[in-house]
C-alpha atoms as a PDB file:
ATOM      1  CA  UNK A   1       0.000   0.000   0.000  1.00  0.00           C
ATOM      2  CA  UNK A   2       2.895   2.359   0.774  1.00  0.00           C
ATOM      3  CA  UNK A   3       4.117   2.080  -2.806  1.00  0.00           C
ATOM      4  CA  UNK A   4       0.668   2.998  -4.127  1.00  0.00           C
ATOM      5  CA  UNK A   5       0.513   5.986  -1.776  1.00  0.00           C
ATOM      6  CA  UNK A   6       3.877   7.200  -3.090  1.00  0.00           C
ATOM      7  CA  UNK A   7       2.589   6.945  -6.672  1.00  0.00           C
ATOM      8  CA  UNK A   8      -0.610   8.818  -5.817  1.00  0.00           C
ATOM      9  CA  UNK A   9       1.375  11.596  -4.104  1.00  0.00           C
ATOM     10  CA  UNK A  10       3.687  11.996  -7.112  1.00  0.00           C
ATOM     11  CA  UNK A  11       0.719  12.084  -9.468  1.00  0.00           C
ATOM     12  CA  UNK A  12      -1.157  14.617  -7.325  1.00  0.00           C
ATOM     13  CA  UNK A  13       1.869  16.899  -7.097  1.00  0.00           C
ATOM     14  CA  UNK A  14       2.316  16.833 -10.858  1.00  0.00           C
ATOM     15  CA  UNK A  15      -1.360  17.188 -11.887  1.00  0.00           C
ATOM     16  CA  UNK A  16      -3.216  20.304 -10.711  1.00  0.00           C
ATOM     17  CA  UNK A  17      -6.590  19.023 -11.947  1.00  0.00           C
ATOM     18  CA  UNK A  18      -6.218  15.766 -10.058  1.00  0.00           C
ATOM     19  CA  UNK A  19      -5.118  17.683  -6.946  1.00  0.00           C
ATOM     20  CA  UNK A  20      -8.268  19.823  -7.167  1.00  0.00           C
ATOM     21  CA  UNK A  21     -10.385  16.658  -7.383  1.00  0.00           C
ATOM     22  CA  UNK A  22      -8.478  15.176  -4.433  1.00  0.00           C
ATOM     23  CA  UNK A  23      -9.176  18.256  -2.331  1.00  0.00           C
ATOM     24  CA  UNK A  24     -12.901  17.900  -3.039  1.00  0.00           C
ATOM     25  CA  UNK A  25     -13.211  14.108  -2.705  1.00  0.00           C
ATOM     26  CA  UNK A  26      -9.971  12.393  -1.712  1.00  0.00           C
ATOM     27  CA  UNK A  27     -11.491   8.926  -1.267  1.00  0.00           C
ATOM     28  CA  UNK A  28     -12.875   8.861  -4.803  1.00  0.00           C
ATOM     29  CA  UNK A  29      -9.549   9.953  -6.307  1.00  0.00           C
ATOM     30  CA  UNK A  30      -7.608   7.311  -4.379  1.00  0.00           C
ATOM     31  CA  UNK A  31      -9.967   4.506  -5.331  1.00  0.00           C
ATOM     32  CA  UNK A  32     -10.059   5.648  -8.961  1.00  0.00           C
ATOM     33  CA  UNK A  33      -6.279   5.902  -9.226  1.00  0.00           C
ATOM     34  CA  UNK A  34      -5.609   2.609  -7.439  1.00  0.00           C
ATOM     35  CA  UNK A  35      -8.467   0.906  -9.267  1.00  0.00           C
ATOM     36  CA  UNK A  36      -9.824  -0.844  -6.185  1.00  0.00           C
ATOM     37  CA  UNK A  37     -12.842  -0.151  -3.975  1.00  0.00           C
ATOM     38  CA  UNK A  38     -11.223  -0.051  -0.543  1.00  0.00           C
ATOM     39  CA  UNK A  39     -12.892  -0.408   2.857  1.00  0.00           C
ATOM     40  CA  UNK A  40     -13.560   2.948   4.526  1.00  0.00           C
ATOM     41  CA  UNK A  41     -10.916   2.466   7.217  1.00  0.00           C
ATOM     42  CA  UNK A  42      -8.228   1.804   4.590  1.00  0.00           C
ATOM     43  CA  UNK A  43      -9.356   4.810   2.531  1.00  0.00           C
ATOM     44  CA  UNK A  44      -9.231   7.045   5.607  1.00  0.00           C
ATOM     45  CA  UNK A  45      -5.720   5.823   6.447  1.00  0.00           C
ATOM     46  CA  UNK A  46      -4.607   6.356   2.847  1.00  0.00           C
ATOM     47  CA  UNK A  47      -6.083   9.878   2.746  1.00  0.00           C
ATOM     48  CA  UNK A  48      -4.285  10.792   5.974  1.00  0.00           C
ATOM     49  CA  UNK A  49      -0.988   9.354   4.724  1.00  0.00           C
ATOM     50  CA  UNK A  50      -1.266  11.109   1.364  1.00  0.00           C
ATOM     51  CA  UNK A  51      -2.101  14.465   2.939  1.00  0.00           C
ATOM     52  CA  UNK A  52       0.862  14.107   5.310  1.00  0.00           C
ATOM     53  CA  UNK A  53       3.245  13.241   2.459  1.00  0.00           C
ATOM     54  CA  UNK A  54       1.999  16.190   0.391  1.00  0.00           C
ATOM     55  CA  UNK A  55       2.601  18.527   3.342  1.00  0.00           C
ATOM     56  CA  UNK A  56       6.128  17.148   3.765  1.00  0.00           C
ATOM     57  CA  UNK A  57       6.839  17.659   0.066  1.00  0.00           C
ATOM     58  CA  UNK A  58       5.560  21.244   0.242  1.00  0.00           C
ATOM     59  CA  UNK A  59       7.590  22.014   3.376  1.00  0.00           C
ATOM     60  CA  UNK A  60      10.696  20.523   1.768  1.00  0.00           C
ATOM     61  CA  UNK A  61      10.173  22.661  -1.331  1.00  0.00           C
ATOM     62  CA  UNK A  62       9.735  25.779   0.824  1.00  0.00           C
ATOM     63  CA  UNK A  63      12.907  25.026   2.791  1.00  0.00           C
ATOM     64  CA  UNK A  64      14.838  24.486  -0.428  1.00  0.00           C
ATOM     65  CA  UNK A  65      13.556  27.798  -1.726  1.00  0.00           C
ATOM     66  CA  UNK A  66      14.603  29.624   1.422  1.00  0.00           C
ATOM     67  CA  UNK A  67      18.023  27.972   1.391  1.00  0.00           C
ATOM     68  CA  UNK A  68      18.373  29.093  -2.240  1.00  0.00           C
ATOM     69  CA  UNK A  69      17.951  32.701  -1.123  1.00  0.00           C
ATOM     70  CA  UNK A  70      21.086  32.313   0.960  1.00  0.00           C
ATOM     71  CA  UNK A  71      23.063  30.574  -1.763  1.00  0.00           C
ATOM     72  CA  UNK A  72      22.776  27.108  -0.252  1.00  0.00           C
ATOM     73  CA  UNK A  73      21.286  24.045  -1.897  1.00  0.00           C
END
Protein backbone atom coordinates (compact mmCIF):
# COMPACT_ATOMS: atom_id res chain seq x y z
CA UNK A 1 0.00 0.00 0.00
CA UNK A 2 2.90 2.36 0.77
CA UNK A 3 4.12 2.08 -2.81
CA UNK A 4 0.67 3.00 -4.13
CA UNK A 5 0.51 5.99 -1.78
CA UNK A 6 3.88 7.20 -3.09
CA UNK A 7 2.59 6.95 -6.67
CA UNK A 8 -0.61 8.82 -5.82
CA UNK A 9 1.37 11.60 -4.10
CA UNK A 10 3.69 12.00 -7.11
CA UNK A 11 0.72 12.08 -9.47
CA UNK A 12 -1.16 14.62 -7.32
CA UNK A 13 1.87 16.90 -7.10
CA UNK A 14 2.32 16.83 -10.86
CA UNK A 15 -1.36 17.19 -11.89
CA UNK A 16 -3.22 20.30 -10.71
CA UNK A 17 -6.59 19.02 -11.95
CA UNK A 18 -6.22 15.77 -10.06
CA UNK A 19 -5.12 17.68 -6.95
CA UNK A 20 -8.27 19.82 -7.17
CA UNK A 21 -10.39 16.66 -7.38
CA UNK A 22 -8.48 15.18 -4.43
CA UNK A 23 -9.18 18.26 -2.33
CA UNK A 24 -12.90 17.90 -3.04
CA UNK A 25 -13.21 14.11 -2.71
CA UNK A 26 -9.97 12.39 -1.71
CA UNK A 27 -11.49 8.93 -1.27
CA UNK A 28 -12.88 8.86 -4.80
CA UNK A 29 -9.55 9.95 -6.31
CA UNK A 30 -7.61 7.31 -4.38
CA UNK A 31 -9.97 4.51 -5.33
CA UNK A 32 -10.06 5.65 -8.96
CA UNK A 33 -6.28 5.90 -9.23
CA UNK A 34 -5.61 2.61 -7.44
CA UNK A 35 -8.47 0.91 -9.27
CA UNK A 36 -9.82 -0.84 -6.18
CA UNK A 37 -12.84 -0.15 -3.97
CA UNK A 38 -11.22 -0.05 -0.54
CA UNK A 39 -12.89 -0.41 2.86
CA UNK A 40 -13.56 2.95 4.53
CA UNK A 41 -10.92 2.47 7.22
CA UNK A 42 -8.23 1.80 4.59
CA UNK A 43 -9.36 4.81 2.53
CA UNK A 44 -9.23 7.04 5.61
CA UNK A 45 -5.72 5.82 6.45
CA UNK A 46 -4.61 6.36 2.85
CA UNK A 47 -6.08 9.88 2.75
CA UNK A 48 -4.29 10.79 5.97
CA UNK A 49 -0.99 9.35 4.72
CA UNK A 50 -1.27 11.11 1.36
CA UNK A 51 -2.10 14.46 2.94
CA UNK A 52 0.86 14.11 5.31
CA UNK A 53 3.24 13.24 2.46
CA UNK A 54 2.00 16.19 0.39
CA UNK A 55 2.60 18.53 3.34
CA UNK A 56 6.13 17.15 3.76
CA UNK A 57 6.84 17.66 0.07
CA UNK A 58 5.56 21.24 0.24
CA UNK A 59 7.59 22.01 3.38
CA UNK A 60 10.70 20.52 1.77
CA UNK A 61 10.17 22.66 -1.33
CA UNK A 62 9.73 25.78 0.82
CA UNK A 63 12.91 25.03 2.79
CA UNK A 64 14.84 24.49 -0.43
CA UNK A 65 13.56 27.80 -1.73
CA UNK A 66 14.60 29.62 1.42
CA UNK A 67 18.02 27.97 1.39
CA UNK A 68 18.37 29.09 -2.24
CA UNK A 69 17.95 32.70 -1.12
CA UNK A 70 21.09 32.31 0.96
CA UNK A 71 23.06 30.57 -1.76
CA UNK A 72 22.78 27.11 -0.25
CA UNK A 73 21.29 24.05 -1.90
